[in-house]
Protein backbone atom coordinates (compact mmCIF):
# COMPACT_ATOMS: atom_id res chain seq x y z
CA UNK A 1 24.51 3.85 4.42
CA UNK A 2 21.34 4.76 2.77
CA UNK A 3 20.95 8.14 0.79
CA UNK A 4 17.64 9.36 -0.65
CA UNK A 5 18.02 11.83 -3.42
CA UNK A 6 15.21 13.42 -5.47
CA UNK A 7 15.36 12.25 -9.21
CA UNK A 8 12.96 14.89 -10.39
CA UNK A 9 10.49 17.01 -8.87
CA UNK A 10 6.85 17.48 -10.24
CA UNK A 11 3.21 17.93 -9.33
CA UNK A 12 1.59 21.11 -8.63
CA UNK A 13 1.04 22.54 -5.42
CA UNK A 14 -1.89 21.38 -3.29
CA UNK A 15 -4.03 23.94 -1.74
CA UNK A 16 -6.71 24.03 0.94
CA UNK A 17 -9.68 26.26 0.76
CA UNK A 18 -8.25 28.91 3.15
CA UNK A 19 -4.62 28.28 1.58
CA UNK A 20 -3.22 27.70 4.87
CA UNK A 21 -1.28 24.42 3.55
CA UNK A 22 0.71 23.79 0.37
CA UNK A 23 2.29 20.49 -0.50
CA UNK A 24 3.81 18.41 -3.36
CA UNK A 25 4.32 14.67 -4.14
CA UNK A 26 7.59 13.49 -5.78
CA UNK A 27 9.64 10.54 -6.91
CA UNK A 28 13.21 9.82 -5.99
CA UNK A 29 15.62 7.02 -6.06
CA UNK A 30 17.43 5.52 -2.88
CA UNK A 31 21.06 4.76 -3.20
CA UNK A 32 22.52 2.07 -0.88
CA UNK A 33 26.17 0.99 -0.59
CA UNK A 34 26.48 -2.65 -0.71
CA UNK A 35 29.06 -4.76 1.05
CA UNK A 36 31.09 -5.35 -1.92
CA UNK A 37 31.39 -1.43 -2.20
CA UNK A 38 29.08 -1.15 -5.23
CA UNK A 39 25.93 0.97 -4.99
CA UNK A 40 22.40 0.06 -5.94
CA UNK A 41 19.39 2.11 -6.67
CA UNK A 42 16.06 1.14 -5.25
CA UNK A 43 13.42 0.27 -5.97
CA UNK A 44 15.14 -2.53 -8.36
CA UNK A 45 13.69 -2.32 -11.83
CA UNK A 46 14.44 -4.86 -14.62
CA UNK A 47 15.12 -3.17 -17.86
CA UNK A 48 14.53 0.68 -18.14
CA UNK A 49 12.94 2.79 -15.42
CA UNK A 50 9.52 4.21 -16.48
CA UNK A 51 8.79 7.70 -15.43
CA UNK A 52 5.10 6.97 -15.70
CA UNK A 53 5.08 3.83 -13.48
CA UNK A 54 4.77 4.61 -9.63
CA UNK A 55 6.21 1.19 -8.61
CA UNK A 56 9.42 2.31 -10.31
CA UNK A 57 10.20 5.09 -7.72
CA UNK A 58 10.27 5.74 -4.04
CA UNK A 59 7.72 8.43 -3.17
CA UNK A 60 7.74 11.34 -0.67
CA UNK A 61 5.40 14.07 0.18
CA UNK A 62 6.42 17.53 1.50
CA UNK A 63 4.16 20.38 2.65
CA UNK A 64 4.10 23.65 4.35
CA UNK A 65 1.66 24.50 7.21
CA UNK A 66 1.08 27.81 8.71
CA UNK A 67 1.20 27.45 12.46
CA UNK A 68 0.52 30.68 14.70
CA UNK A 69 1.42 32.76 11.52
CA UNK A 70 4.74 30.99 10.79
CA UNK A 71 5.34 28.77 7.91
CA UNK A 72 6.72 25.17 9.01
CA UNK A 73 7.94 22.64 6.66
CA UNK A 74 6.78 18.98 7.16
CA UNK A 75 7.20 15.69 5.21
CA UNK A 76 6.51 12.11 4.90
CA UNK A 77 9.56 10.34 3.34
CA UNK A 78 7.97 7.05 2.44
CA UNK A 79 4.55 7.05 0.52
CA UNK A 80 3.36 3.68 -0.62
CA UNK A 81 3.36 3.44 -4.58
CA UNK A 82 -0.37 2.46 -4.15
CA UNK A 83 -1.29 5.74 -2.53
CA UNK A 84 0.36 7.80 -5.39
CA UNK A 85 -2.74 7.74 -7.51
CA UNK A 86 -5.04 8.75 -4.65
CA UNK A 87 -2.85 11.72 -3.60
CA UNK A 88 -2.62 12.83 -7.40
CA UNK A 89 -6.35 12.82 -7.66
CA UNK A 90 -6.66 14.75 -4.48
CA UNK A 91 -4.34 17.38 -5.71
CA UNK A 92 -6.38 17.56 -9.16
CA UNK A 93 -9.52 17.98 -7.18
CA UNK A 94 -7.87 20.62 -4.77
CA UNK A 95 -8.45 18.50 -1.66
CA UNK A 96 -6.26 18.50 1.20
CA UNK A 97 -6.74 16.44 4.29
CA UNK A 98 -4.57 16.38 7.46
């Protein structure tokens, strides 16, 4: 059984020019129960987990879209750690692409 739980939530909202979409990127740890009954956190890290190292976390992106006047929640549950820097730069620049 695999359970993904948010470890911390950060990053400011992402806005399009017409404010029709808002989103955020956040890191989390994945917990898996092993065959021997113990649990393991993924991604595995040797030593201490660095909050500033993107490869030490699983990443997800959530956003809300206004569709026919109603806000709908959307999410992508697995973002490659290599895309985190690109997404953060887009957020800083106020760019949002669908």
